N, C-alpha and C. Protein backbone atom coordinates (compact mmCIF):
# COMPACT_ATOMS: atom_id res chain seq x y z
N MET A 1 0.37 -0.45 0.20
CA MET A 1 -0.04 0.07 -0.46
C MET A 1 0.78 1.49 -0.05
N SER A 2 0.20 2.48 -0.82
CA SER A 2 0.87 3.30 -0.67
C SER A 2 0.29 5.38 -0.05
N GLY A 3 0.24 5.44 -0.13
CA GLY A 3 0.14 6.53 -0.12
C GLY A 3 1.01 7.71 0.68
N THR A 4 0.74 8.87 1.62
CA THR A 4 0.96 10.46 2.48
C THR A 4 1.15 9.72 3.96
N HIS A 5 1.73 10.29 3.90
CA HIS A 5 2.23 10.86 5.80
C HIS A 5 2.62 11.55 5.84
N LYS A 6 2.10 11.94 7.22
CA LYS A 6 2.18 13.28 7.73
C LYS A 6 2.70 12.96 9.22
N VAL A 7 4.32 13.57 9.04
CA VAL A 7 5.29 12.97 9.97
C VAL A 7 5.90 15.13 10.77
N THR A 8 6.28 14.55 11.52
CA THR A 8 6.24 16.31 11.96
C THR A 8 8.66 16.15 12.92
N VAL A 9 9.37 16.67 12.41
CA VAL A 9 9.87 16.57 12.37
C VAL A 9 10.90 17.48 14.45
N GLY A 10 10.27 16.08 14.96
CA GLY A 10 10.94 16.46 16.56
C GLY A 10 12.61 17.30 17.05
N ASP A 11 13.13 16.85 18.13
CA ASP A 11 13.61 17.32 19.20
C ASP A 11 14.92 16.45 18.14
N ARG A 12 15.77 17.34 18.41
CA ARG A 12 17.67 16.62 17.76
C ARG A 12 16.85 16.00 16.20
N GLY A 13 16.56 16.12 15.27
CA GLY A 13 16.19 16.31 13.82
C GLY A 13 14.69 14.55 13.88
N ARG A 14 14.75 13.92 14.95
CA ARG A 14 13.58 12.47 15.46
C ARG A 14 12.39 13.39 14.28
N ILE A 15 12.01 12.30 13.55
CA ILE A 15 10.42 11.62 12.65
C ILE A 15 10.85 10.57 13.82
N VAL A 16 8.79 10.12 13.54
CA VAL A 16 7.88 8.46 13.67
C VAL A 16 7.51 8.04 13.04
N VAL A 17 7.54 7.39 13.51
CA VAL A 17 7.38 6.55 11.35
C VAL A 17 5.59 6.51 11.52
N PRO A 18 4.52 5.93 10.59
CA PRO A 18 3.53 6.06 11.49
C PRO A 18 3.74 3.83 11.38
N ALA A 19 2.67 3.67 12.28
CA ALA A 19 3.28 2.41 13.35
C ALA A 19 3.18 1.38 10.88
N GLY A 20 1.65 1.43 11.27
CA GLY A 20 1.23 0.89 9.47
C GLY A 20 2.23 0.80 8.49
N VAL A 21 3.23 1.96 8.64
CA VAL A 21 3.53 1.84 7.97
C VAL A 21 5.19 0.60 8.18
N ARG A 22 5.46 1.84 9.17
CA ARG A 22 6.31 0.47 9.79
C ARG A 22 6.52 -1.14 9.78
N GLU A 23 4.73 -1.33 9.98
CA GLU A 23 4.51 -2.87 9.66
C GLU A 23 5.02 -3.33 8.64
N ARG A 24 3.92 -2.48 7.66
CA ARG A 24 3.93 -2.54 5.81
C ARG A 24 5.57 -2.41 5.05
N ALA A 25 5.94 -1.82 5.60
CA ALA A 25 7.42 -1.84 5.39
C ALA A 25 8.37 -3.00 6.07
N GLY A 26 7.72 -3.67 7.49
CA GLY A 26 8.72 -4.78 7.54
C GLY A 26 9.90 -4.04 9.15
N LEU A 27 9.79 -2.10 9.39
CA LEU A 27 10.94 -1.60 10.00
C LEU A 27 10.40 -2.13 11.25
N VAL A 28 12.30 -2.18 12.23
CA VAL A 28 11.88 -2.77 13.52
C VAL A 28 12.83 -1.94 13.89
N GLU A 29 13.30 -1.36 14.96
CA GLU A 29 13.89 -0.90 16.01
C GLU A 29 15.39 -1.02 15.82
N GLY A 30 17.21 -0.36 14.88
CA GLY A 30 16.91 -0.94 14.31
C GLY A 30 17.67 -0.74 12.90
N THR A 31 15.82 -0.63 12.46
CA THR A 31 16.54 -0.35 10.48
C THR A 31 17.18 0.44 10.21
N PRO A 32 18.21 0.27 9.63
CA PRO A 32 18.94 1.78 8.87
C PRO A 32 17.71 2.21 7.70
N LEU A 33 18.14 3.94 7.68
CA LEU A 33 17.05 3.38 6.20
C LEU A 33 17.80 4.86 6.09
N MET A 34 17.66 5.56 4.81
CA MET A 34 18.12 5.92 3.90
C MET A 34 17.76 6.82 2.86
N LEU A 35 18.31 8.12 3.81
CA LEU A 35 17.23 10.13 3.80
C LEU A 35 18.48 10.22 1.99
N LEU A 36 17.15 9.75 1.54
CA LEU A 36 18.08 10.54 -0.03
C LEU A 36 17.08 12.25 -0.77
N GLU A 37 17.84 12.58 -0.98
CA GLU A 37 17.85 14.42 -0.94
C GLU A 37 17.91 14.31 -2.59
N THR A 38 17.10 14.94 -2.96
CA THR A 38 16.86 14.26 -5.22
C THR A 38 16.08 15.76 -5.09
N PRO A 39 16.41 16.32 -6.33
CA PRO A 39 15.84 17.94 -6.64
C PRO A 39 14.39 18.55 -6.64
N THR A 40 14.04 17.68 -6.24
CA THR A 40 11.80 16.89 -6.11
C THR A 40 12.18 17.57 -4.75
N GLY A 41 12.34 16.49 -3.66
CA GLY A 41 12.21 16.48 -2.67
C GLY A 41 12.91 15.89 -1.79
N LEU A 42 12.59 15.17 -1.14
CA LEU A 42 13.84 13.51 0.12
C LEU A 42 12.66 13.08 -0.13
N VAL A 43 13.33 11.67 0.00
CA VAL A 43 13.09 10.30 0.06
C VAL A 43 13.90 9.32 0.90
N LEU A 44 12.54 8.73 1.51
CA LEU A 44 13.55 7.86 2.42
C LEU A 44 13.48 6.52 1.99
N LEU A 45 14.19 6.22 2.10
CA LEU A 45 14.35 4.83 1.28
C LEU A 45 14.89 3.46 2.05
N THR A 46 14.33 2.27 2.80
CA THR A 46 15.59 1.29 4.03
C THR A 46 16.59 1.06 2.19
N ARG A 47 18.00 0.11 2.50
CA ARG A 47 18.93 0.67 1.53
C ARG A 47 19.30 -0.62 0.65
N GLU A 48 17.73 -1.54 0.47
CA GLU A 48 16.96 -2.58 -0.57
C GLU A 48 16.39 -2.08 -1.26
N GLN A 49 15.36 -0.93 -0.32
CA GLN A 49 14.68 -0.13 -1.37
C GLN A 49 15.91 0.58 -2.73
N LEU A 50 16.59 1.57 -1.77
CA LEU A 50 17.92 2.44 -2.60
C LEU A 50 18.72 1.85 -3.09
N GLN A 51 18.78 0.99 -2.88
CA GLN A 51 20.10 -0.49 -4.06
C GLN A 51 19.27 -1.29 -5.52
N ALA A 52 17.06 -1.53 -5.27
CA ALA A 52 17.49 -1.09 -5.77
C ALA A 52 16.90 -0.34 -7.37
N ARG A 53 16.28 1.00 -6.54
CA ARG A 53 16.28 2.05 -7.42
C ARG A 53 17.03 2.44 -7.95
N VAL A 54 18.57 2.35 -7.31
CA VAL A 54 20.37 3.05 -7.90
C VAL A 54 20.24 1.60 -9.27
N ARG A 55 20.16 0.45 -8.87
CA ARG A 55 20.25 -0.83 -9.90
C ARG A 55 18.83 -0.47 -11.34
N SER A 56 18.06 -0.24 -11.12
CA SER A 56 16.76 0.57 -12.10
C SER A 56 17.44 1.84 -12.53
N ASP A 57 18.20 2.94 -12.34
CA ASP A 57 18.72 4.04 -12.95
C ASP A 57 19.51 3.17 -14.20
N LEU A 58 20.61 2.73 -13.70
CA LEU A 58 21.73 2.32 -14.21
C LEU A 58 21.10 1.29 -15.31
N ALA A 59 20.44 0.41 -14.94
CA ALA A 59 20.26 -0.71 -15.83
C ALA A 59 19.69 0.19 -17.45
N GLY A 60 21.00 -0.87 -18.91
CA GLY A 60 21.40 -1.05 -19.59
C GLY A 60 21.64 0.08 -20.12
N VAL A 61 22.65 0.78 -19.00
CA VAL A 61 23.76 1.64 -18.89
C VAL A 61 25.05 0.96 -18.42
N ASP A 62 26.09 0.82 -19.78
CA ASP A 62 27.25 0.85 -20.29
C ASP A 62 28.71 1.63 -19.45
N LEU A 63 28.93 1.20 -18.54
CA LEU A 63 29.37 2.82 -17.64
C LEU A 63 30.80 2.65 -18.19
N VAL A 64 31.60 1.30 -18.37
CA VAL A 64 32.33 0.88 -18.89
C VAL A 64 32.40 1.21 -20.39
N ARG A 65 31.84 0.90 -21.22
CA ARG A 65 31.65 1.87 -22.48
C ARG A 65 31.18 3.22 -22.90
N GLU A 66 31.00 3.53 -21.93
CA GLU A 66 31.64 5.34 -21.86
C GLU A 66 32.48 5.73 -21.03
N LEU A 67 33.34 4.88 -20.61
CA LEU A 67 34.08 5.44 -19.46
C LEU A 67 35.51 5.25 -20.39
N LEU A 68 35.72 4.12 -21.86
CA LEU A 68 36.00 3.81 -21.94
C LEU A 68 35.83 4.83 -23.43
N ALA A 69 34.97 5.83 -24.16
CA ALA A 69 34.68 6.56 -25.18
C ALA A 69 35.19 7.75 -24.84
N GLU A 70 35.06 7.64 -23.62
CA GLU A 70 35.70 9.76 -22.68
C GLU A 70 37.17 9.81 -23.20
N ARG A 71 37.64 8.05 -22.38
CA ARG A 71 39.19 8.38 -22.19
C ARG A 71 39.91 8.54 -23.65
N ARG A 72 39.26 8.11 -25.17
CA ARG A 72 39.69 7.89 -26.06
C ARG A 72 39.40 8.86 -26.13
N THR A 73 38.78 9.63 -26.30
CA THR A 73 38.18 11.91 -26.61
C THR A 73 39.43 12.28 -26.23
N ASN A 74 39.71 12.25 -24.74
CA ASN A 74 40.92 12.93 -24.23
C ASN A 74 41.87 12.93 -25.10
N ALA A 75 42.42 11.13 -25.19
CA ALA A 75 43.57 10.93 -25.46
C ALA A 75 43.43 11.39 -27.19
N ALA A 76 42.30 11.37 -28.05
CA ALA A 76 42.53 12.67 -28.98
C ALA A 76 42.74 13.56 -28.79
N GLY A 77 42.32 13.77 -28.29
CA GLY A 77 42.23 15.56 -28.11
C GLY A 77 44.04 15.61 -27.69
N GLU A 78 44.79 15.21 -26.26
CA GLU A 78 46.34 15.47 -26.18
C GLU A 78 47.06 15.72 -27.10
N ASP A 79 46.87 14.24 -28.08
CA ASP A 79 47.74 13.52 -29.62
C ASP A 79 47.56 14.67 -30.79
N ALA A 80 46.15 15.40 -30.28
CA ALA A 80 46.17 16.56 -31.28
C ALA A 80 46.65 18.06 -31.07
N ALA A 81 47.07 18.37 -29.35
CA ALA A 81 47.80 19.44 -29.41
C ALA A 81 49.26 18.98 -29.09
């Protein structure tokens, strides 16, 4: 289930995650959460959710190929100079 929940920042920056959300997400005391600051706002994720998000964002991206192409371009520029 998804939804919007109002939380308030308390003393020392603490927030309380509503009980129903904790139960559905399987959050227990000590569960590490990651606060992702994005251009459109804040996102609170478990480590697993963040890992899945990064994998999804990088799906189809060949970072090695991009790096090699960039290095070849830079080397060609240096050779021309």
